[in-house]
Amino acid sequence: QCYANIGTVQRLLARPAGYITDINVKLHRIEEAPAMARECAARFPAQAMDIQKANAQFETGSNVRSIISYAVGIVLLIVAGFGIYNILNMMINEKLDTIAILKATGFSGRDVQRIFLLLSLVIGISGAIGGAILGSLLQHIISIIPFHAEAIPALTHFPVDFSARFYFIAIGFALATAWVAGWFPARRAATVDPVEIIRGK
């Protein structure tokens, strides 16, 4: 890829001085491209295409990939939520005696519910922090893998977006999933009747 004076290129291609294939206009604000394309098409006898229309197929593919990525992430979080739900359910079954003793010594159902919700959030926070650290490490590893594309000569490695908003989204979803997954077992623990448990023992 090289850049040269238009007259030089016309002579190299043995074309007349009026031969021009494309004119690219660089704008300071890319969102103004559609309006500029309409204005150029109305003013000059030439076809004008804005960058959004020219890259519509690429944008569509990019949007589809983003949707798939978010869908996979949400499904994984739902699966993780079921894991937390099962862990807390098993823990409640194993700790029925302890829950009964807590309630018998003055702990209210709300206190017991708060304990298990806190436990669920501790699991969620630990997972979110561990996932963020592991994700950052994998991002760095992927970003140094050599990658060459003919369409983008300047690209030498896999393009990776290190934006912090993805981490905030992931952590937020993880905490929300942990809270929802812990809510139902916590409600169940809050309704444990200590008299029934102690009588059964």
Protein backbone atom coordinates (compact mmCIF):
# COMPACT_ATOMS: atom_id res chain seq x y z
CA GLN A 1 0.00 0.00 0.00
CA CYS A 2 1.41 3.35 -0.96
CA TYR A 3 0.35 6.95 -1.49
CA ALA A 4 1.31 9.09 -4.48
CA ASN A 5 0.32 12.22 -6.35
CA ILE A 6 -2.83 11.59 -8.41
CA GLY A 7 -1.11 12.74 -11.60
CA THR A 8 1.69 10.23 -11.07
CA VAL A 9 -0.78 7.39 -10.52
CA GLN A 10 -2.71 8.36 -13.67
CA ARG A 11 0.49 8.20 -15.72
CA LEU A 12 1.50 4.84 -14.16
CA LEU A 13 -1.89 3.38 -15.07
CA ALA A 14 -1.82 5.04 -18.51
CA ARG A 15 -5.06 6.89 -17.82
CA PRO A 16 -6.15 10.38 -18.88
CA ALA A 17 -5.86 13.31 -16.50
CA GLY A 18 -9.61 13.25 -15.79
CA TYR A 19 -9.60 9.62 -14.63
CA ILE A 20 -10.61 9.32 -10.97
CA THR A 21 -12.05 6.20 -9.35
CA ASP A 22 -12.94 7.35 -5.86
CA ILE A 23 -12.85 10.43 -3.69
CA ASN A 24 -12.69 9.78 0.05
CA VAL A 25 -13.68 12.59 2.40
CA LYS A 26 -12.48 12.45 6.00
CA LEU A 27 -14.80 14.13 8.51
CA HIS A 28 -14.05 15.31 12.01
CA ARG A 29 -17.39 13.83 13.17
CA ILE A 30 -18.14 10.47 11.54
CA GLU A 31 -21.84 10.65 12.45
CA GLU A 32 -22.23 13.45 9.85
CA ALA A 33 -21.28 11.07 7.00
CA PRO A 34 -24.88 10.18 5.88
CA ALA A 35 -25.89 13.85 5.60
CA MET A 36 -22.65 14.68 3.74
CA ALA A 37 -23.24 11.76 1.33
CA ARG A 38 -26.76 12.98 0.54
CA GLU A 39 -25.48 16.52 -0.02
CA CYS A 40 -22.69 15.36 -2.36
CA ALA A 41 -25.08 13.11 -4.31
CA ALA A 42 -27.46 16.04 -4.80
CA ARG A 43 -24.72 18.51 -5.77
CA PHE A 44 -22.53 16.37 -8.06
CA PRO A 45 -23.34 13.81 -10.80
CA ALA A 46 -21.69 10.97 -8.89
CA GLN A 47 -22.62 8.18 -6.52
CA ALA A 48 -22.03 9.07 -2.89
CA MET A 49 -21.89 6.44 -0.15
CA ASP A 50 -21.39 7.10 3.55
CA ILE A 51 -19.15 4.91 5.69
CA GLN A 52 -22.08 3.40 7.57
CA LYS A 53 -23.64 2.10 4.36
CA ALA A 54 -20.29 0.98 2.95
CA ASN A 55 -19.54 -1.01 6.11
CA ALA A 56 -23.11 -2.20 6.73
CA GLN A 57 -22.18 -5.87 6.28
CA PHE A 58 -19.23 -5.55 8.64
CA GLU A 59 -21.37 -3.72 11.21
CA THR A 60 -24.06 -6.40 10.96
CA GLY A 61 -21.47 -9.14 11.52
CA SER A 62 -20.00 -7.21 14.43
CA ASN A 63 -23.44 -6.75 16.01
CA VAL A 64 -24.24 -10.45 15.60
CA ARG A 65 -20.92 -11.39 17.23
CA SER A 66 -21.64 -9.03 20.12
CA ILE A 67 -25.12 -10.51 20.61
CA ILE A 68 -23.68 -14.04 20.60
CA SER A 69 -20.97 -13.04 23.09
CA TYR A 70 -23.48 -11.48 25.48
CA ALA A 71 -25.83 -14.46 25.09
CA VAL A 72 -23.03 -16.91 25.92
CA GLY A 73 -22.00 -14.79 28.90
CA ILE A 74 -25.57 -14.60 30.24
CA VAL A 75 -26.04 -18.37 29.84
CA LEU A 76 -22.79 -19.01 31.72
CA LEU A 77 -23.91 -16.69 34.52
CA ILE A 78 -27.27 -18.48 34.73
CA VAL A 79 -25.45 -21.81 35.00
CA ALA A 80 -23.21 -20.33 37.70
CA GLY A 81 -26.34 -19.06 39.47
CA PHE A 82 -27.78 -22.56 39.54
CA GLY A 83 -24.47 -23.75 41.00
CA ILE A 84 -24.69 -21.17 43.81
CA TYR A 85 -28.35 -22.10 44.34
CA ASN A 86 -27.48 -25.79 44.69
CA ILE A 87 -24.56 -25.07 47.02
CA LEU A 88 -26.73 -22.99 49.35
CA ASN A 89 -29.58 -25.51 49.24
CA MET A 90 -27.22 -28.31 50.24
CA MET A 91 -25.70 -26.12 52.94
CA ILE A 92 -29.15 -25.35 54.36
CA ASN A 93 -30.01 -29.05 54.43
CA GLU A 94 -26.76 -29.78 56.27
CA LYS A 95 -27.13 -26.82 58.65
CA LEU A 96 -30.77 -27.23 59.65
CA ASP A 97 -29.71 -27.94 63.23
CA THR A 98 -27.59 -24.80 63.33
CA ILE A 99 -30.38 -22.70 61.82
CA ALA A 100 -32.82 -24.10 64.38
CA ILE A 101 -30.43 -23.26 67.23
CA LEU A 102 -29.92 -19.74 65.89
CA LYS A 103 -33.67 -19.15 65.71
CA ALA A 104 -34.20 -20.74 69.11
CA THR A 105 -31.63 -18.39 70.68
CA GLY A 106 -33.32 -15.27 69.35
CA PHE A 107 -32.30 -14.87 65.71
CA SER A 108 -35.26 -13.85 63.55
CA GLY A 109 -36.05 -15.26 60.12
CA ARG A 110 -34.80 -12.00 58.60
CA ASP A 111 -31.45 -12.41 60.37
CA VAL A 112 -31.05 -15.96 59.03
CA GLN A 113 -32.06 -14.81 55.56
CA ARG A 114 -29.48 -12.00 55.73
CA ILE A 115 -26.74 -14.49 56.71
CA PHE A 116 -27.36 -16.69 53.68
CA LEU A 117 -27.74 -13.74 51.32
CA LEU A 118 -24.41 -12.42 52.60
CA LEU A 119 -22.85 -15.83 52.00
CA SER A 120 -24.24 -15.82 48.46
CA LEU A 121 -22.81 -12.35 47.81
CA VAL A 122 -19.41 -13.43 49.20
CA ILE A 123 -19.41 -16.28 46.67
CA GLY A 124 -20.45 -13.85 43.90
CA ILE A 125 -17.83 -11.22 44.82
CA SER A 126 -15.07 -13.84 45.03
CA GLY A 127 -16.07 -15.23 41.64
CA ALA A 128 -16.31 -11.75 40.11
CA ILE A 129 -12.85 -10.73 41.34
CA GLY A 130 -11.30 -14.03 40.27
CA GLY A 131 -13.04 -13.82 36.89
CA ALA A 132 -11.89 -10.23 36.35
CA ILE A 133 -8.27 -11.15 37.13
CA LEU A 134 -8.37 -14.24 34.92
CA GLY A 135 -10.13 -12.33 32.14
CA SER A 136 -7.54 -9.55 32.23
CA LEU A 137 -4.73 -12.11 32.06
CA LEU A 138 -6.33 -13.90 29.09
CA GLN A 139 -6.93 -10.56 27.36
CA HIS A 140 -3.25 -9.72 27.66
CA ILE A 141 -2.23 -13.14 26.33
CA ILE A 142 -4.60 -12.85 23.35
CA SER A 143 -3.43 -9.29 22.59
CA ILE A 144 0.17 -10.45 22.03
CA ILE A 145 -0.73 -13.31 19.66
CA PRO A 146 0.46 -12.41 16.12
CA PHE A 147 -2.39 -11.82 13.67
CA HIS A 148 -2.21 -10.47 10.13
CA ALA A 149 -5.12 -9.47 7.90
CA GLU A 150 -4.69 -8.36 4.29
CA ALA A 151 -7.54 -5.89 4.62
CA ILE A 152 -5.83 -4.13 7.55
CA PRO A 153 -2.05 -4.04 6.98
CA ALA A 154 -1.44 -2.11 10.21
CA LEU A 155 -2.91 -4.95 12.27
CA THR A 156 -0.12 -7.13 13.69
CA HIS A 157 -1.83 -8.73 16.72
CA PHE A 158 -5.33 -9.78 17.69
CA PRO A 159 -7.37 -6.63 18.40
CA VAL A 160 -8.51 -6.62 22.03
CA ASP A 161 -10.69 -4.01 23.69
CA PHE A 162 -9.41 -3.33 27.22
CA SER A 163 -12.32 -1.02 28.07
CA ALA A 164 -13.22 -1.08 31.77
CA ARG A 165 -16.96 -1.04 31.02
CA PHE A 166 -16.87 -4.73 30.09
CA TYR A 167 -15.46 -5.54 33.52
CA PHE A 168 -18.17 -3.46 35.22
CA ILE A 169 -20.88 -5.21 33.18
CA ALA A 170 -19.48 -8.66 34.02
CA ILE A 171 -19.09 -7.88 37.74
CA GLY A 172 -22.57 -6.36 37.88
CA PHE A 173 -24.14 -9.42 36.22
CA ALA A 174 -22.17 -11.75 38.49
CA LEU A 175 -23.33 -9.99 41.66
CA ALA A 176 -26.94 -9.83 40.43
CA THR A 177 -26.87 -13.54 39.57
CA ALA A 178 -25.39 -14.42 42.96
CA TRP A 179 -28.01 -12.35 44.78
CA VAL A 180 -30.94 -13.88 42.85
CA ALA A 181 -29.51 -17.40 43.26
CA GLY A 182 -29.10 -16.85 47.00
CA TRP A 183 -32.50 -15.26 47.57
CA PHE A 184 -34.60 -18.43 47.31
CA PRO A 185 -32.45 -20.64 49.58
CA ALA A 186 -32.21 -17.74 52.04
CA ARG A 187 -36.01 -17.43 52.08
CA ARG A 188 -36.25 -21.16 52.71
CA ALA A 189 -33.78 -20.92 55.60
CA ALA A 190 -35.78 -18.04 57.08
CA THR A 191 -38.92 -20.17 57.25
CA VAL A 192 -37.29 -23.09 59.10
CA ASP A 193 -39.32 -23.98 62.18
CA PRO A 194 -36.83 -24.65 65.01
CA VAL A 195 -39.44 -26.61 67.01
CA GLU A 196 -39.95 -29.10 64.19
CA ILE A 197 -36.19 -29.54 63.66
CA ILE A 198 -35.40 -30.00 67.36
CA ARG A 199 -38.39 -32.31 67.85
CA GLY A 200 -37.23 -34.43 64.91
CA LYS A 201 -33.83 -34.82 66.56
